[in-house]
Amino acid sequence: MGKIDEFQRERERLNQLDLSKGNLEIKRFFSLDSQVYRQGAIPTKYKEILGLVASLVLRCDDCIMYHIIRCHEEGVSQEEFNEAMAIALVVGGSITIPHLRRAYDAWEELQRTSR
């Protein structure tokens, strides 16, 4: 089992834990989070790239991993991924480099497993 599978299982388990508490505001936020990434004037693929860049700048490893998986599912090319990483690095500065390293590692795992 790779890091991607482990992340997805743990994320699902923790999401179910959060949602099982019946908190209406948490459920609404989760719903809003899903809705903003749906197809609209901006295609889902580009929304996921935006989410990835923002997550890298904010240095949220869980968010980065989630958006990398979604970018892969939405057919983001290697070139698009590379450009998104460059934008995140320029906006976020050198403090984002450790997150950039882990992002490329996760992206490579997805590329290997999808061949």
PDB file of N, CA and C in Angstrom:
ATOM      1  N   MET A   1       0.847  -1.174   0.000  1.00  0.00           N
ATOM      2  CA  MET A   1       0.000   0.000   0.000  1.00  0.00           C
ATOM      3  C   MET A   1       0.897   1.242   0.000  1.00  0.00           C
ATOM      4  N   GLY A   2       0.604   2.159  -0.910  1.00  0.00           N
ATOM      5  CA  GLY A   2       1.379   3.378  -1.004  1.00  0.00           C
ATOM      6  C   GLY A   2       0.809   4.489  -0.142  1.00  0.00           C
ATOM      7  N   LYS A   3       1.509   5.614  -0.184  1.00  0.00           N
ATOM      8  CA  LYS A   3       1.081   6.780   0.593  1.00  0.00           C
ATOM      9  C   LYS A   3      -0.289   7.282   0.156  1.00  0.00           C
ATOM     10  N   ILE A   4      -0.570   7.178  -1.134  1.00  0.00           N
ATOM     11  CA  ILE A   4      -1.849   7.677  -1.657  1.00  0.00           C
ATOM     12  C   ILE A   4      -3.006   6.874  -1.079  1.00  0.00           C
ATOM     13  N   ASP A   5      -2.907   5.554  -1.147  1.00  0.00           N
ATOM     14  CA  ASP A   5      -3.971   4.696  -0.606  1.00  0.00           C
ATOM     15  C   ASP A   5      -4.151   4.911   0.898  1.00  0.00           C
ATOM     16  N   GLU A   6      -3.038   5.005   1.592  1.00  0.00           N
ATOM     17  CA  GLU A   6      -3.092   5.227   3.039  1.00  0.00           C
ATOM     18  C   GLU A   6      -3.770   6.563   3.353  1.00  0.00           C
ATOM     19  N   PHE A   7      -3.409   7.595   2.612  1.00  0.00           N
ATOM     20  CA  PHE A   7      -4.012   8.913   2.816  1.00  0.00           C
ATOM     21  C   PHE A   7      -5.518   8.859   2.578  1.00  0.00           C
ATOM     22  N   GLN A   8      -5.928   8.227   1.477  1.00  0.00           N
ATOM     23  CA  GLN A   8      -7.353   8.199   1.136  1.00  0.00           C
ATOM     24  C   GLN A   8      -8.171   7.441   2.175  1.00  0.00           C
ATOM     25  N   ARG A   9      -7.654   6.334   2.664  1.00  0.00           N
ATOM     26  CA  ARG A   9      -8.385   5.578   3.682  1.00  0.00           C
ATOM     27  C   ARG A   9      -8.507   6.368   4.979  1.00  0.00           C
ATOM     28  N   GLU A  10      -7.409   7.006   5.389  1.00  0.00           N
ATOM     29  CA  GLU A  10      -7.440   7.768   6.635  1.00  0.00           C
ATOM     30  C   GLU A  10      -8.344   8.998   6.500  1.00  0.00           C
ATOM     31  N   ARG A  11      -8.301   9.649   5.348  1.00  0.00           N
ATOM     32  CA  ARG A  11      -9.152  10.820   5.116  1.00  0.00           C
ATOM     33  C   ARG A  11     -10.630  10.430   5.191  1.00  0.00           C
ATOM     34  N   GLU A  12     -10.986   9.333   4.559  1.00  0.00           N
ATOM     35  CA  GLU A  12     -12.370   8.865   4.581  1.00  0.00           C
ATOM     36  C   GLU A  12     -12.814   8.533   6.007  1.00  0.00           C
ATOM     37  N   ARG A  13     -11.959   7.857   6.756  1.00  0.00           N
ATOM     38  CA  ARG A  13     -12.283   7.504   8.142  1.00  0.00           C
ATOM     39  C   ARG A  13     -12.516   8.760   8.983  1.00  0.00           C
ATOM     40  N   LEU A  14     -11.623   9.724   8.842  1.00  0.00           N
ATOM     41  CA  LEU A  14     -11.746  10.948   9.642  1.00  0.00           C
ATOM     42  C   LEU A  14     -12.916  11.815   9.193  1.00  0.00           C
ATOM     43  N   ASN A  15     -13.199  11.852   7.910  1.00  0.00           N
ATOM     44  CA  ASN A  15     -14.378  12.583   7.434  1.00  0.00           C
ATOM     45  C   ASN A  15     -15.654  11.988   8.013  1.00  0.00           C
ATOM     46  N   GLN A  16     -15.735  10.660   8.022  1.00  0.00           N
ATOM     47  CA  GLN A  16     -16.909  10.003   8.585  1.00  0.00           C
ATOM     48  C   GLN A  16     -17.042  10.321  10.073  1.00  0.00           C
ATOM     49  N   LEU A  17     -15.921  10.364  10.771  1.00  0.00           N
ATOM     50  CA  LEU A  17     -15.940  10.721  12.191  1.00  0.00           C
ATOM     51  C   LEU A  17     -16.481  12.138  12.368  1.00  0.00           C
ATOM     52  N   ASP A  18     -15.968  13.078  11.594  1.00  0.00           N
ATOM     53  CA  ASP A  18     -16.435  14.471  11.680  1.00  0.00           C
ATOM     54  C   ASP A  18     -17.929  14.572  11.398  1.00  0.00           C
ATOM     55  N   LEU A  19     -18.357  13.954  10.319  1.00  0.00           N
ATOM     56  CA  LEU A  19     -19.751  14.068   9.886  1.00  0.00           C
ATOM     57  C   LEU A  19     -20.712  13.307  10.802  1.00  0.00           C
ATOM     58  N   SER A  20     -20.214  12.306  11.516  1.00  0.00           N
ATOM     59  CA  SER A  20     -21.081  11.507  12.398  1.00  0.00           C
ATOM     60  C   SER A  20     -21.544  12.288  13.622  1.00  0.00           C
ATOM     61  N   LYS A  21     -20.951  13.408  13.880  1.00  0.00           N
ATOM     62  CA  LYS A  21     -21.300  14.192  15.074  1.00  0.00           C
ATOM     63  C   LYS A  21     -22.572  15.003  14.885  1.00  0.00           C
ATOM     64  N   GLY A  22     -23.086  15.052  13.669  1.00  0.00           N
ATOM     65  CA  GLY A  22     -24.360  15.707  13.421  1.00  0.00           C
ATOM     66  C   GLY A  22     -24.327  17.222  13.498  1.00  0.00           C
ATOM     67  N   ASN A  23     -23.158  17.821  13.463  1.00  0.00           N
ATOM     68  CA  ASN A  23     -23.044  19.267  13.534  1.00  0.00           C
ATOM     69  C   ASN A  23     -23.430  19.880  12.188  1.00  0.00           C
ATOM     70  N   LEU A  24     -24.504  20.640  12.169  1.00  0.00           N
ATOM     71  CA  LEU A  24     -25.036  21.206  10.932  1.00  0.00           C
ATOM     72  C   LEU A  24     -24.044  22.126  10.242  1.00  0.00           C
ATOM     73  N   GLU A  25     -23.344  22.953  10.997  1.00  0.00           N
ATOM     74  CA  GLU A  25     -22.390  23.888  10.394  1.00  0.00           C
ATOM     75  C   GLU A  25     -21.230  23.155   9.726  1.00  0.00           C
ATOM     76  N   ILE A  26     -20.748  22.097  10.358  1.00  0.00           N
ATOM     77  CA  ILE A  26     -19.673  21.302   9.753  1.00  0.00           C
ATOM     78  C   ILE A  26     -20.173  20.646   8.474  1.00  0.00           C
ATOM     79  N   LYS A  27     -21.366  20.077   8.505  1.00  0.00           N
ATOM     80  CA  LYS A  27     -21.930  19.449   7.312  1.00  0.00           C
ATOM     81  C   LYS A  27     -22.103  20.457   6.188  1.00  0.00           C
ATOM     82  N   ARG A  28     -22.544  21.652   6.525  1.00  0.00           N
ATOM     83  CA  ARG A  28     -22.717  22.695   5.511  1.00  0.00           C
ATOM     84  C   ARG A  28     -21.382  23.092   4.895  1.00  0.00           C
ATOM     85  N   PHE A  29     -20.359  23.208   5.731  1.00  0.00           N
ATOM     86  CA  PHE A  29     -19.045  23.568   5.203  1.00  0.00           C
ATOM     87  C   PHE A  29     -18.513  22.479   4.280  1.00  0.00           C
ATOM     88  N   PHE A  30     -18.647  21.228   4.685  1.00  0.00           N
ATOM     89  CA  PHE A  30     -18.210  20.117   3.840  1.00  0.00           C
ATOM     90  C   PHE A  30     -18.935  20.165   2.496  1.00  0.00           C
ATOM     91  N   SER A  31     -20.222  20.434   2.528  1.00  0.00           N
ATOM     92  CA  SER A  31     -21.014  20.527   1.304  1.00  0.00           C
ATOM     93  C   SER A  31     -20.531  21.682   0.421  1.00  0.00           C
ATOM     94  N   LEU A  32     -20.317  22.833   1.015  1.00  0.00           N
ATOM     95  CA  LEU A  32     -19.825  23.990   0.258  1.00  0.00           C
ATOM     96  C   LEU A  32     -18.477  23.685  -0.371  1.00  0.00           C
ATOM     97  N   ASP A  33     -17.605  23.044   0.390  1.00  0.00           N
ATOM     98  CA  ASP A  33     -16.280  22.685  -0.123  1.00  0.00           C
ATOM     99  C   ASP A  33     -16.399  21.814  -1.376  1.00  0.00           C
ATOM    100  N   SER A  34     -17.312  20.872  -1.369  1.00  0.00           N
ATOM    101  CA  SER A  34     -17.522  20.011  -2.542  1.00  0.00           C
ATOM    102  C   SER A  34     -18.124  20.789  -3.710  1.00  0.00           C
ATOM    103  N   GLN A  35     -19.064  21.652  -3.408  1.00  0.00           N
ATOM    104  CA  GLN A  35     -19.773  22.374  -4.460  1.00  0.00           C
ATOM    105  C   GLN A  35     -18.885  23.330  -5.243  1.00  0.00           C
ATOM    106  N   VAL A  36     -17.950  24.004  -4.590  1.00  0.00           N
ATOM    107  CA  VAL A  36     -17.159  25.007  -5.307  1.00  0.00           C
ATOM    108  C   VAL A  36     -16.219  24.396  -6.335  1.00  0.00           C
ATOM    109  N   TYR A  37     -15.927  23.111  -6.222  1.00  0.00           N
ATOM    110  CA  TYR A  37     -15.032  22.459  -7.182  1.00  0.00           C
ATOM    111  C   TYR A  37     -15.781  21.794  -8.337  1.00  0.00           C
ATOM    112  N   ARG A  38     -17.103  21.900  -8.341  1.00  0.00           N
ATOM    113  CA  ARG A  38     -17.886  21.331  -9.448  1.00  0.00           C
ATOM    114  C   ARG A  38     -17.667  22.125 -10.727  1.00  0.00           C
ATOM    115  N   GLN A  39     -17.966  21.470 -11.833  1.00  0.00           N
ATOM    116  CA  GLN A  39     -17.881  22.108 -13.145  1.00  0.00           C
ATOM    117  C   GLN A  39     -18.717  23.371 -13.166  1.00  0.00           C
ATOM    118  N   GLY A  40     -18.180  24.438 -13.692  1.00  0.00           N
ATOM    119  CA  GLY A  40     -18.885  25.715 -13.818  1.00  0.00           C
ATOM    120  C   GLY A  40     -18.225  26.518 -14.922  1.00  0.00           C
ATOM    121  N   ALA A  41     -18.227  27.825 -14.800  1.00  0.00           N
ATOM    122  CA  ALA A  41     -17.543  28.665 -15.778  1.00  0.00           C
ATOM    123  C   ALA A  41     -16.060  28.300 -15.847  1.00  0.00           C
ATOM    124  N   ILE A  42     -15.502  27.918 -14.704  1.00  0.00           N
ATOM    125  CA  ILE A  42     -14.135  27.393 -14.665  1.00  0.00           C
ATOM    126  C   ILE A  42     -14.243  25.869 -14.610  1.00  0.00           C
ATOM    127  N   PRO A  43     -13.597  25.160 -15.545  1.00  0.00           N
ATOM    128  CA  PRO A  43     -13.653  23.697 -15.521  1.00  0.00           C
ATOM    129  C   PRO A  43     -13.057  23.117 -14.228  1.00  0.00           C
ATOM    130  N   THR A  44     -13.585  21.989 -13.805  1.00  0.00           N
ATOM    131  CA  THR A  44     -13.146  21.326 -12.573  1.00  0.00           C
ATOM    132  C   THR A  44     -11.635  21.130 -12.544  1.00  0.00           C
ATOM    133  N   LYS A  45     -11.062  20.748 -13.665  1.00  0.00           N
ATOM    134  CA  LYS A  45      -9.611  20.527 -13.737  1.00  0.00           C
ATOM    135  C   LYS A  45      -8.850  21.761 -13.257  1.00  0.00           C
ATOM    136  N   TYR A  46      -9.256  22.923 -13.699  1.00  0.00           N
ATOM    137  CA  TYR A  46      -8.557  24.150 -13.328  1.00  0.00           C
ATOM    138  C   TYR A  46      -8.866  24.567 -11.893  1.00  0.00           C
ATOM    139  N   LYS A  47     -10.056  24.251 -11.421  1.00  0.00           N
ATOM    140  CA  LYS A  47     -10.376  24.519 -10.023  1.00  0.00           C
ATOM    141  C   LYS A  47      -9.482  23.683  -9.111  1.00  0.00           C
ATOM    142  N   GLU A  48      -9.230  22.445  -9.494  1.00  0.00           N
ATOM    143  CA  GLU A  48      -8.350  21.585  -8.694  1.00  0.00           C
ATOM    144  C   GLU A  48      -6.913  22.102  -8.717  1.00  0.00           C
ATOM    145  N   ILE A  49      -6.457  22.613  -9.855  1.00  0.00           N
ATOM    146  CA  ILE A  49      -5.124  23.219  -9.916  1.00  0.00           C
ATOM    147  C   ILE A  49      -5.066  24.432  -8.994  1.00  0.00           C
ATOM    148  N   LEU A  50      -6.117  25.249  -9.014  1.00  0.00           N
ATOM    149  CA  LEU A  50      -6.169  26.406  -8.115  1.00  0.00           C
ATOM    150  C   LEU A  50      -6.117  25.955  -6.657  1.00  0.00           C
ATOM    151  N   GLY A  51      -6.879  24.925  -6.337  1.00  0.00           N
ATOM    152  CA  GLY A  51      -6.869  24.396  -4.976  1.00  0.00           C
ATOM    153  C   GLY A  51      -5.496  23.878  -4.579  1.00  0.00           C
ATOM    154  N   LEU A  52      -4.818  23.233  -5.515  1.00  0.00           N
ATOM    155  CA  LEU A  52      -3.479  22.716  -5.248  1.00  0.00           C
ATOM    156  C   LEU A  52      -2.503  23.852  -4.972  1.00  0.00           C
ATOM    157  N   VAL A  53      -2.514  24.876  -5.807  1.00  0.00           N
ATOM    158  CA  VAL A  53      -1.603  26.008  -5.608  1.00  0.00           C
ATOM    159  C   VAL A  53      -1.879  26.690  -4.271  1.00  0.00           C
ATOM    160  N   ALA A  54      -3.155  26.940  -3.977  1.00  0.00           N
ATOM    161  CA  ALA A  54      -3.497  27.578  -2.704  1.00  0.00           C
ATOM    162  C   ALA A  54      -3.048  26.714  -1.530  1.00  0.00           C
ATOM    163  N   SER A  55      -3.233  25.424  -1.629  1.00  0.00           N
ATOM    164  CA  SER A  55      -2.844  24.519  -0.542  1.00  0.00           C
ATOM    165  C   SER A  55      -1.336  24.505  -0.331  1.00  0.00           C
ATOM    166  N   LEU A  56      -0.589  24.555  -1.433  1.00  0.00           N
ATOM    167  CA  LEU A  56       0.866  24.616  -1.307  1.00  0.00           C
ATOM    168  C   LEU A  56       1.301  25.915  -0.635  1.00  0.00           C
ATOM    169  N   VAL A  57       0.712  27.015  -1.049  1.00  0.00           N
ATOM    170  CA  VAL A  57       1.062  28.310  -0.459  1.00  0.00           C
ATOM    171  C   VAL A  57       0.716  28.328   1.026  1.00  0.00           C
ATOM    172  N   LEU A  58      -0.411  27.719   1.388  1.00  0.00           N
ATOM    173  CA  LEU A  58      -0.831  27.664   2.790  1.00  0.00           C
ATOM    174  C   LEU A  58      -0.128  26.557   3.571  1.00  0.00           C
ATOM    175  N   ARG A  59       0.580  25.691   2.856  1.00  0.00           N
ATOM    176  CA  ARG A  59       1.383  24.619   3.445  1.00  0.00           C
ATOM    177  C   ARG A  59       0.554  23.602   4.227  1.00  0.00           C
ATOM    178  N   CYS A  60      -0.554  23.187   3.625  1.00  0.00           N
ATOM    179  CA  CYS A  60      -1.416  22.165   4.226  1.00  0.00           C
ATOM    180  C   CYS A  60      -1.191  20.839   3.498  1.00  0.00           C
ATOM    181  N   ASP A  61      -0.415  19.952   4.106  1.00  0.00           N
ATOM    182  CA  ASP A  61      -0.065  18.702   3.440  1.00  0.00           C
ATOM    183  C   ASP A  61      -1.276  17.837   3.092  1.00  0.00           C
ATOM    184  N   ASP A  62      -2.264  17.764   3.976  1.00  0.00           N
ATOM    185  CA  ASP A  62      -3.461  16.984   3.653  1.00  0.00           C
ATOM    186  C   ASP A  62      -4.185  17.573   2.440  1.00  0.00           C
ATOM    187  N   CYS A  63      -4.308  18.880   2.415  1.00  0.00           N
ATOM    188  CA  CYS A  63      -4.978  19.543   1.289  1.00  0.00           C
ATOM    189  C   CYS A  63      -4.187  19.353  -0.003  1.00  0.00           C
ATOM    190  N   ILE A  64      -2.878  19.455   0.097  1.00  0.00           N
ATOM    191  CA  ILE A  64      -2.016  19.253  -1.070  1.00  0.00           C
ATOM    192  C   ILE A  64      -2.238  17.853  -1.630  1.00  0.00           C
ATOM    193  N   MET A  65      -2.196  16.860  -0.765  1.00  0.00           N
ATOM    194  CA  MET A  65      -2.372  15.478  -1.209  1.00  0.00           C
ATOM    195  C   MET A  65      -3.740  15.290  -1.866  1.00  0.00           C
ATOM    196  N   TYR A  66      -4.772  15.820  -1.239  1.00  0.00           N
ATOM    197  CA  TYR A  66      -6.116  15.699  -1.796  1.00  0.00           C
ATOM    198  C   TYR A  66      -6.178  16.303  -3.199  1.00  0.00           C
ATOM    199  N   HIS A  67      -5.652  17.505  -3.365  1.00  0.00           N
ATOM    200  CA  HIS A  67      -5.738  18.171  -4.665  1.00  0.00           C
ATOM    201  C   HIS A  67      -4.821  17.526  -5.705  1.00  0.00           C
ATOM    202  N   ILE A  68      -3.719  16.936  -5.287  1.00  0.00           N
ATOM    203  CA  ILE A  68      -2.882  16.192  -6.231  1.00  0.00           C
ATOM    204  C   ILE A  68      -3.670  15.001  -6.778  1.00  0.00           C
ATOM    205  N   ILE A  69      -4.328  14.286  -5.901  1.00  0.00           N
ATOM    206  CA  ILE A  69      -5.147  13.139  -6.335  1.00  0.00           C
ATOM    207  C   ILE A  69      -6.239  13.611  -7.294  1.00  0.00           C
ATOM    208  N   ARG A  70      -6.919  14.688  -6.934  1.00  0.00           N
ATOM    209  CA  ARG A  70      -7.989  15.207  -7.786  1.00  0.00           C
ATOM    210  C   ARG A  70      -7.443  15.720  -9.127  1.00  0.00           C
ATOM    211  N   CYS A  71      -6.289  16.371  -9.101  1.00  0.00           N
ATOM    212  CA  CYS A  71      -5.670  16.828 -10.356  1.00  0.00           C
ATOM    213  C   CYS A  71      -5.378  15.632 -11.266  1.00  0.00           C
ATOM    214  N   HIS A  72      -4.867  14.582 -10.670  1.00  0.00           N
ATOM    215  CA  HIS A  72      -4.584  13.369 -11.445  1.00  0.00           C
ATOM    216  C   HIS A  72      -5.873  12.799 -12.028  1.00  0.00           C
ATOM    217  N   GLU A  73      -6.913  12.723 -11.205  1.00  0.00           N
ATOM    218  CA  GLU A  73      -8.205  12.209 -11.681  1.00  0.00           C
ATOM    219  C   GLU A  73      -8.793  13.081 -12.786  1.00  0.00           C
ATOM    220  N   GLU A  74      -8.544  14.375 -12.737  1.00  0.00           N
ATOM    221  CA  GLU A  74      -9.085  15.307 -13.734  1.00  0.00           C
ATOM    222  C   GLU A  74      -8.208  15.417 -14.983  1.00  0.00           C
ATOM    223  N   GLY A  75      -7.136  14.650 -15.044  1.00  0.00           N
ATOM    224  CA  GLY A  75      -6.319  14.604 -16.255  1.00  0.00           C
ATOM    225  C   GLY A  75      -5.304  15.729 -16.405  1.00  0.00           C
ATOM    226  N   VAL A  76      -4.872  16.298 -15.291  1.00  0.00           N
ATOM    227  CA  VAL A  76      -3.834  17.325 -15.355  1.00  0.00           C
ATOM    228  C   VAL A  76      -2.564  16.679 -15.916  1.00  0.00           C
ATOM    229  N   SER A  77      -1.962  17.335 -16.889  1.00  0.00           N
ATOM    230  CA  SER A  77      -0.746  16.805 -17.517  1.00  0.00           C
ATOM    231  C   SER A  77       0.478  17.108 -16.654  1.00  0.00           C
ATOM    232  N   GLN A  78       1.573  16.444 -16.969  1.00  0.00           N
ATOM    233  CA  GLN A  78       2.827  16.705 -16.256  1.00  0.00           C
ATOM    234  C   GLN A  78       3.237  18.164 -16.415  1.00  0.00           C
ATOM    235  N   GLU A  79       3.069  18.698 -17.600  1.00  0.00           N
ATOM    236  CA  GLU A  79       3.448  20.092 -17.859  1.00  0.00           C
ATOM    237  C   GLU A  79       2.579  21.061 -17.056  1.00  0.00           C
ATOM    238  N   GLU A  80       1.273  20.786 -16.993  1.00  0.00           N
ATOM    239  CA  GLU A  80       0.375  21.632 -16.196  1.00  0.00           C
ATOM    240  C   GLU A  80       0.741  21.562 -14.716  1.00  0.00           C
ATOM    241  N   PHE A  81       1.041  20.348 -14.256  1.00  0.00           N
ATOM    242  CA  PHE A  81       1.432  20.157 -12.864  1.00  0.00           C
ATOM    243  C   PHE A  81       2.708  20.940 -12.558  1.00  0.00           C
ATOM    244  N   ASN A  82       3.699  20.845 -13.442  1.00  0.00           N
ATOM    245  CA  ASN A  82       4.962  21.549 -13.243  1.00  0.00           C
ATOM    246  C   ASN A  82       4.746  23.058 -13.166  1.00  0.00           C
ATOM    247  N   GLU A  83       3.914  23.596 -14.035  1.00  0.00           N
ATOM    248  CA  GLU A  83       3.656  25.037 -14.022  1.00  0.00           C
ATOM    249  C   GLU A  83       2.928  25.452 -12.748  1.00  0.00           C
ATOM    250  N   ALA A  84       1.999  24.629 -12.293  1.00  0.00           N
ATOM    251  CA  ALA A  84       1.296  24.927 -11.043  1.00  0.00           C
ATOM    252  C   ALA A  84       2.272  24.935  -9.873  1.00  0.00           C
ATOM    253  N   MET A  85       3.206  23.984  -9.858  1.00  0.00           N
ATOM    254  CA  MET A  85       4.210  23.929  -8.792  1.00  0.00           C
ATOM    255  C   MET A  85       5.090  25.185  -8.810  1.00  0.00           C
ATOM    256  N   ALA A  86       5.436  25.636 -10.003  1.00  0.00           N
ATOM    257  CA  ALA A  86       6.265  26.845 -10.122  1.00  0.00           C
ATOM    258  C   ALA A  86       5.524  28.074  -9.601  1.00  0.00           C
ATOM    259  N   ILE A  87       4.239  28.176  -9.922  1.00  0.00           N
ATOM    260  CA  ILE A  87       3.442  29.304  -9.421  1.00  0.00           C
ATOM    261  C   ILE A  87       3.381  29.260  -7.901  1.00  0.00           C
ATOM    262  N   ALA A  88       3.115  28.088  -7.338  1.00  0.00           N
ATOM    263  CA  ALA A  88       3.034  27.951  -5.883  1.00  0.00           C
ATOM    264  C   ALA A  88       4.352  28.339  -5.218  1.00  0.00           C
ATOM    265  N   LEU A  89       5.464  27.951  -5.817  1.00  0.00           N
ATOM    266  CA  LEU A  89       6.767  28.279  -5.256  1.00  0.00           C
ATOM    267  C   LEU A  89       7.024  29.787  -5.304  1.00  0.00           C
ATOM    268  N   VAL A  90       6.694  30.416  -6.413  1.00  0.00           N
ATOM    269  CA  VAL A  90       6.906  31.863  -6.531  1.00  0.00           C
ATOM    270  C   VAL A  90       6.022  32.616  -5.539  1.00  0.00           C
ATOM    271  N   VAL A  91       4.766  32.212  -5.428  1.00  0.00           N
ATOM    272  CA  VAL A  91       3.849  32.897  -4.515  1.00  0.00           C
ATOM    273  C   VAL A  91       4.198  32.594  -3.063  1.00  0.00           C
ATOM    274  N   GLY A  92       4.488  31.347  -2.768  1.00  0.00           N
ATOM    275  CA  GLY A  92       4.718  30.935  -1.386  1.00  0.00           C
ATOM    276  C   GLY A  92       6.132  31.125  -0.882  1.00  0.00           C
ATOM    277  N   GLY A  93       7.077  31.196  -1.777  1.00  0.00           N
ATOM    278  CA  GLY A  93       8.474  31.371  -1.380  1.00  0.00           C
ATOM    279  C   GLY A  93       9.140  30.069  -0.975  1.00  0.00           C
ATOM    280  N   SER A  94      10.378  30.203  -0.552  1.00  0.00           N
ATOM    281  CA  SER A  94      11.199  29.020  -0.273  1.00  0.00           C
ATOM    282  C   SER A  94      10.657  28.155   0.852  1.00  0.00           C
ATOM    283  N   ILE A  95       9.819  28.713   1.724  1.00  0.00           N
ATOM    284  CA  ILE A  95       9.250  27.918   2.821  1.00  0.00           C
ATOM    285  C   ILE A  95       8.344  26.802   2.289  1.00  0.00           C
ATOM    286  N   THR A  96       7.898  26.913   1.050  1.00  0.00           N
ATOM    287  CA  THR A  96       7.038  25.879   0.465  1.00  0.00           C
ATOM    288  C   THR A  96       7.834  24.709  -0.123  1.00  0.00           C
ATOM    289  N   ILE A  97       9.160  24.820  -0.192  1.00  0.00           N
ATOM    290  CA  ILE A  97       9.970  23.778  -0.831  1.00  0.00           C
ATOM    291  C   ILE A  97       9.751  22.393  -0.226  1.00  0.00           C
ATOM    292  N   PRO A  98       9.716  22.216   1.103  1.00  0.00           N
ATOM    293  CA  PRO A  98       9.449  20.872   1.626  1.00  0.00           C
ATOM    294  C   PRO A  98       8.104  20.312   1.144  1.00  0.00           C
ATOM    295  N   HIS A  99       7.108  21.167   1.031  1.00  0.00           N
ATOM    296  CA  HIS A  99       5.789  20.739   0.562  1.00  0.00           C
ATOM    297  C   HIS A  99       5.830  20.423  -0.924  1.00  0.00           C
ATOM    298  N   LEU A 100       6.614  21.179  -1.657  1.00  0.00           N
ATOM    299  CA  LEU A 100       6.806  20.933  -3.088  1.00  0.00           C
ATOM    300  C   LEU A 100       7.452  19.564  -3.301  1.00  0.00           C
ATOM    301  N   ARG A 101       8.439  19.245  -2.483  1.00  0.00           N
ATOM    302  CA  ARG A 101       9.106  17.935  -2.581  1.00  0.00           C
ATOM    303  C   ARG A 101       8.102  16.799  -2.384  1.00  0.00           C
ATOM    304  N   ARG A 102       7.295  16.912  -1.326  1.00  0.00           N
ATOM    305  CA  ARG A 102       6.316  15.858  -1.047  1.00  0.00           C
ATOM    306  C   ARG A 102       5.235  15.811  -2.131  1.00  0.00           C
ATOM    307  N   ALA A 103       4.914  16.967  -2.689  1.00  0.00           N
ATOM    308  CA  ALA A 103       3.922  17.007  -3.775  1.00  0.00           C
ATOM    309  C   ALA A 103       4.434  16.240  -4.990  1.00  0.00           C
ATOM    310  N   TYR A 104       5.672  16.475  -5.363  1.00  0.00           N
ATOM    311  CA  TYR A 104       6.230  15.748  -6.504  1.00  0.00           C
ATOM    312  C   TYR A 104       6.334  14.258  -6.221  1.00  0.00           C
ATOM    313  N   ASP A 105       6.649  13.892  -4.994  1.00  0.00           N
ATOM    314  CA  ASP A 105       6.722  12.485  -4.622  1.00  0.00           C
ATOM    315  C   ASP A 105       5.354  11.817  -4.788  1.00  0.00           C
ATOM    316  N   ALA A 106       4.303  12.491  -4.316  1.00  0.00           N
ATOM    317  CA  ALA A 106       2.943  11.948  -4.450  1.00  0.00           C
ATOM    318  C   ALA A 106       2.534  11.873  -5.913  1.00  0.00           C
ATOM    319  N   TRP A 107       2.844  12.915  -6.682  1.00  0.00           N
ATOM    320  CA  TRP A 107       2.510  12.936  -8.105  1.00  0.00           C
ATOM    321  C   TRP A 107       3.190  11.766  -8.827  1.00  0.00           C
ATOM    322  N   GLU A 108       4.452  11.533  -8.510  1.00  0.00           N
ATOM    323  CA  GLU A 108       5.184  10.420  -9.126  1.00  0.00           C
ATOM    324  C   GLU A 108       4.547   9.072  -8.765  1.00  0.00           C
ATOM    325  N   GLU A 109       4.118   8.925  -7.514  1.00  0.00           N
ATOM    326  CA  GLU A 109       3.436   7.684  -7.122  1.00  0.00           C
ATOM    327  C   GLU A 109       2.172   7.482  -7.953  1.00  0.00           C
ATOM    328  N   LEU A 110       1.397   8.530  -8.128  1.00  0.00           N
ATOM    329  CA  LEU A 110       0.183   8.420  -8.947  1.00  0.00           C
ATOM    330  C   LEU A 110       0.523   8.083 -10.392  1.00  0.00           C
ATOM    331  N   GLN A 111       1.565   8.677 -10.912  1.00  0.00           N
ATOM    332  CA  GLN A 111       1.968   8.416 -12.299  1.00  0.00           C
ATOM    333  C   GLN A 111       2.389   6.948 -12.458  1.00  0.00           C
ATOM    334  N   ARG A 112       3.132   6.428 -11.491  1.00  0.00           N
ATOM    335  CA  ARG A 112       3.590   5.033 -11.557  1.00  0.00           C
ATOM    336  C   ARG A 112       2.431   4.051 -11.477  1.00  0.00           C
ATOM    337  N   THR A 113       1.483   4.328 -10.598  1.00  0.00           N
ATOM    338  CA  THR A 113       0.380   3.378 -10.389  1.00  0.00           C
ATOM    339  C   THR A 113      -0.660   3.427 -11.487  1.00  0.00           C
ATOM    340  N   SER A 114      -0.649   4.481 -12.291  1.00  0.00           N
ATOM    341  CA  SER A 114      -1.672   4.592 -13.358  1.00  0.00           C
ATOM    342  C   SER A 114      -1.157   4.090 -14.704  1.00  0.00           C
ATOM    343  N   ARG A 115       0.045   3.601 -14.744  1.00  0.00           N
ATOM    344  CA  ARG A 115       0.595   3.086 -16.018  1.00  0.00           C
ATOM    345  C   ARG A 115       0.110   1.714 -16.316  1.00  0.00           C
TER     346      ARG A 115
END
